[in-house]
N, C-alpha and C. Protein backbone atom coordinates (compact mmCIF):
# COMPACT_ATOMS: atom_id res chain seq x y z
N UNK A 1 35.82 14.11 6.15
CA UNK A 1 34.79 14.45 6.14
C UNK A 1 33.23 13.45 5.98
N UNK A 2 32.43 13.81 7.25
CA UNK A 2 31.26 12.87 7.21
C UNK A 2 30.33 13.30 6.55
N UNK A 3 28.82 12.75 5.44
CA UNK A 3 28.44 13.30 5.19
C UNK A 3 26.81 11.72 5.41
N UNK A 4 25.82 12.84 5.42
CA UNK A 4 24.48 12.20 5.56
C UNK A 4 23.44 12.85 4.45
N UNK A 5 22.59 12.27 3.93
CA UNK A 5 20.89 12.44 3.97
C UNK A 5 20.06 11.86 4.52
N UNK A 6 19.19 12.99 5.03
CA UNK A 6 18.05 13.08 5.72
C UNK A 6 17.08 13.60 5.28
N UNK A 7 15.86 12.03 5.36
CA UNK A 7 14.69 12.74 4.55
C UNK A 7 13.70 12.78 5.84
N UNK A 8 13.16 13.64 5.79
CA UNK A 8 11.91 13.83 6.93
C UNK A 8 10.75 14.72 6.51
N UNK A 9 9.85 13.99 7.17
CA UNK A 9 8.48 13.99 7.52
C UNK A 9 7.79 15.05 8.27
N UNK A 10 6.90 15.22 8.32
CA UNK A 10 6.64 16.91 9.10
C UNK A 10 5.31 17.11 8.39
N UNK A 11 4.56 18.02 9.53
CA UNK A 11 2.77 18.36 9.38
C UNK A 11 3.07 18.62 8.44
N UNK A 12 1.54 18.22 7.94
CA UNK A 12 1.59 18.90 6.32
C UNK A 12 1.29 20.53 6.38
N UNK A 13 1.48 21.48 5.61
CA UNK A 13 1.34 22.30 5.70
C UNK A 13 3.10 23.40 6.40
N UNK A 14 3.43 22.45 7.15
CA UNK A 14 4.73 23.76 7.93
C UNK A 14 6.16 22.86 7.39
N UNK A 15 5.93 22.45 5.83
CA UNK A 15 7.14 22.17 5.46
C UNK A 15 7.77 23.74 5.40
N UNK A 16 7.42 24.67 5.39
CA UNK A 16 8.26 26.04 4.48
C UNK A 16 8.52 26.96 5.79
N UNK A 17 8.13 26.47 6.85
CA UNK A 17 8.96 26.47 8.14
C UNK A 17 10.04 25.93 8.70
N UNK A 18 9.26 25.03 8.37
CA UNK A 18 10.91 24.21 8.72
C UNK A 18 12.02 24.00 7.60
N UNK A 19 11.85 24.50 6.66
CA UNK A 19 13.12 24.31 4.84
C UNK A 19 13.29 25.79 5.55
N UNK A 20 12.51 26.62 6.06
CA UNK A 20 13.72 28.18 6.03
C UNK A 20 14.49 27.60 7.09
N UNK A 21 14.31 27.01 8.62
CA UNK A 21 14.95 26.61 9.86
C UNK A 21 16.19 25.77 9.06
N UNK A 22 16.04 25.16 8.51
CA UNK A 22 16.85 23.99 7.99
C UNK A 22 18.53 24.65 7.39
N UNK A 23 17.76 25.55 6.32
CA UNK A 23 18.86 26.24 5.63
C UNK A 23 19.64 27.27 6.07
N UNK A 24 19.03 27.78 7.47
CA UNK A 24 20.07 28.30 8.84
C UNK A 24 20.29 27.70 9.73
N UNK A 25 20.44 26.08 9.04
CA UNK A 25 21.79 25.49 10.75
C UNK A 25 23.14 25.10 9.93
N UNK A 26 24.41 25.25 10.88
CA UNK A 26 25.29 25.09 10.55
C UNK A 26 24.97 23.50 9.80
N UNK A 27 26.19 23.04 9.01
CA UNK A 27 25.94 21.94 8.14
C UNK A 27 25.67 21.35 7.40
N UNK A 28 24.15 22.01 7.62
CA UNK A 28 22.84 21.37 6.08
C UNK A 28 23.53 22.56 5.20
N UNK A 29 23.95 21.49 4.13
CA UNK A 29 24.68 22.56 2.70
C UNK A 29 23.46 22.11 1.83
N UNK A 30 22.42 21.61 1.38
CA UNK A 30 21.34 21.48 0.83
C UNK A 30 19.75 20.81 1.24
N UNK A 31 19.20 21.61 1.39
CA UNK A 31 17.43 21.52 1.44
C UNK A 31 16.61 21.28 0.31
N UNK A 32 15.66 20.43 0.07
CA UNK A 32 15.24 19.90 -0.99
C UNK A 32 13.66 19.66 -0.61
N UNK A 33 12.01 20.27 -1.17
CA UNK A 33 10.99 19.58 -0.42
C UNK A 33 11.00 18.64 -1.71
N UNK A 34 10.17 18.26 -1.42
CA UNK A 34 9.76 16.45 -2.13
C UNK A 34 8.65 16.47 -2.48
N UNK A 35 7.84 15.73 -2.71
CA UNK A 35 6.51 15.44 -2.67
C UNK A 35 6.97 13.25 -2.61
N UNK A 36 5.86 12.87 -1.70
CA UNK A 36 5.86 11.46 -1.35
C UNK A 36 5.97 10.98 0.25
N UNK A 37 5.76 10.06 0.79
CA UNK A 37 5.99 9.57 2.15
C UNK A 37 6.86 10.96 3.07
N UNK A 38 7.97 11.46 1.98
CA UNK A 38 8.94 12.16 3.22
C UNK A 38 9.19 13.54 2.36
N UNK A 39 8.74 14.94 3.02
CA UNK A 39 8.17 16.26 2.37
C UNK A 39 9.69 16.92 1.60
N UNK A 40 10.71 16.57 3.14
CA UNK A 40 12.11 17.27 2.60
C UNK A 40 13.11 15.87 2.84
N UNK A 41 14.35 16.37 1.98
CA UNK A 41 15.40 15.47 2.10
C UNK A 41 16.37 16.85 1.90
N UNK A 42 17.90 16.50 3.23
CA UNK A 42 19.16 17.40 3.62
C UNK A 42 19.77 16.67 3.32
N UNK A 43 21.11 17.26 2.91
CA UNK A 43 22.27 16.90 2.77
C UNK A 43 23.38 17.54 3.90
N UNK A 44 23.70 16.46 4.48
CA UNK A 44 24.17 17.53 5.97
C UNK A 44 26.02 16.75 6.17
N UNK A 45 26.76 17.75 6.31
CA UNK A 45 28.27 17.53 6.13
C UNK A 45 28.87 18.06 8.14
N UNK A 46 29.64 17.70 7.92
CA UNK A 46 30.52 17.27 8.84
C UNK A 46 32.01 16.95 9.40
N UNK A 47 32.78 17.83 10.35
CA UNK A 47 34.39 16.91 10.11
C UNK A 47 34.38 15.54 10.46
N UNK A 48 33.34 14.87 11.27
CA UNK A 48 33.51 14.17 11.88
C UNK A 48 31.58 13.51 12.35
N UNK A 49 31.57 11.50 12.27
CA UNK A 49 30.48 10.98 12.46
C UNK A 49 30.05 11.71 13.55
N UNK A 50 30.27 11.89 14.91
CA UNK A 50 29.94 12.57 16.01
C UNK A 50 29.25 14.16 15.92
N UNK A 51 29.74 14.84 15.48
CA UNK A 51 29.61 16.10 14.82
C UNK A 51 28.11 16.06 13.87
N UNK A 52 28.10 15.20 13.09
CA UNK A 52 26.99 14.99 11.89
C UNK A 52 26.16 14.01 13.14
N UNK A 53 26.34 13.25 13.64
CA UNK A 53 24.54 12.74 14.80
C UNK A 53 24.00 14.56 15.49
N UNK A 54 24.86 14.98 16.18
CA UNK A 54 24.60 15.90 17.01
C UNK A 54 23.53 16.84 16.04
N UNK A 55 24.32 17.05 14.95
CA UNK A 55 23.61 18.23 14.01
C UNK A 55 22.00 17.67 13.73
N UNK A 56 22.29 15.69 13.49
CA UNK A 56 20.81 15.27 13.25
C UNK A 56 19.69 15.12 14.26
N UNK A 57 20.59 14.94 15.23
CA UNK A 57 19.58 14.53 16.36
C UNK A 57 19.43 15.85 17.28
N UNK A 58 20.28 17.00 17.65
CA UNK A 58 20.01 18.10 18.47
C UNK A 58 18.82 19.25 17.56
N UNK A 59 19.49 18.86 16.33
CA UNK A 59 19.16 20.13 16.24
C UNK A 59 17.99 19.97 14.69
N UNK A 60 17.89 18.56 13.71
CA UNK A 60 17.36 18.87 12.81
C UNK A 60 15.50 18.04 13.86
N UNK A 61 16.19 16.81 14.29
CA UNK A 61 14.69 16.47 15.00
C UNK A 61 14.58 16.88 15.99
N UNK A 62 15.27 18.11 16.45
CA UNK A 62 14.02 18.74 17.47
C UNK A 62 13.23 20.30 16.82
N UNK A 63 13.40 20.46 15.21
CA UNK A 63 12.77 21.31 14.73
C UNK A 63 11.30 21.20 15.23
N UNK A 64 10.50 21.72 15.41
CA UNK A 64 8.85 21.89 15.65
C UNK A 64 8.35 20.98 14.69
N UNK A 65 7.47 20.12 14.55
CA UNK A 65 6.55 19.84 13.50
C UNK A 65 7.54 18.61 12.49
N UNK A 66 8.46 18.53 12.66
CA UNK A 66 8.91 17.49 12.31
C UNK A 66 8.89 16.23 12.96
N UNK A 67 8.07 15.40 12.08
CA UNK A 67 7.26 13.96 12.74
C UNK A 67 9.03 13.03 12.87
N UNK A 68 9.29 12.49 11.58
CA UNK A 68 9.98 11.38 11.43
C UNK A 68 11.25 11.63 10.76
N UNK A 69 12.14 10.87 10.88
CA UNK A 69 13.54 10.96 10.03
C UNK A 69 14.39 9.99 9.70
N UNK A 70 14.29 9.51 8.73
CA UNK A 70 15.13 8.50 7.92
C UNK A 70 16.31 8.93 7.52
N UNK A 71 17.64 8.29 8.36
CA UNK A 71 19.04 8.50 7.87
C UNK A 71 19.91 8.04 7.22
N UNK A 72 20.00 8.76 5.73
CA UNK A 72 21.26 7.51 5.15
C UNK A 72 22.59 7.75 5.17
N UNK A 73 23.61 7.32 5.73
CA UNK A 73 24.59 8.24 5.74
C UNK A 73 25.47 7.44 4.58
N UNK A 74 26.69 8.45 4.04
CA UNK A 74 26.75 8.15 2.79
C UNK A 74 28.90 6.88 3.28
N UNK A 75 28.57 6.24 2.43
CA UNK A 75 30.21 5.67 2.69
C UNK A 75 31.11 5.88 2.04
């Protein structure tokens, strides 16, 4: 099982719709709103690293109003 934590910076005021979308996304097991440079932290889990990468690049980063992400791969 591959895991990663992703810190997400989004447009101000768009956090709640993004959180709702993330909670519906397969492979995302935790979603938490935060204060600071990043607005949301998520935990992504997949059977392998290629699937994990697809979830992050094809799903998370393409959500409207997501500005930047920082991925921390679990070793």
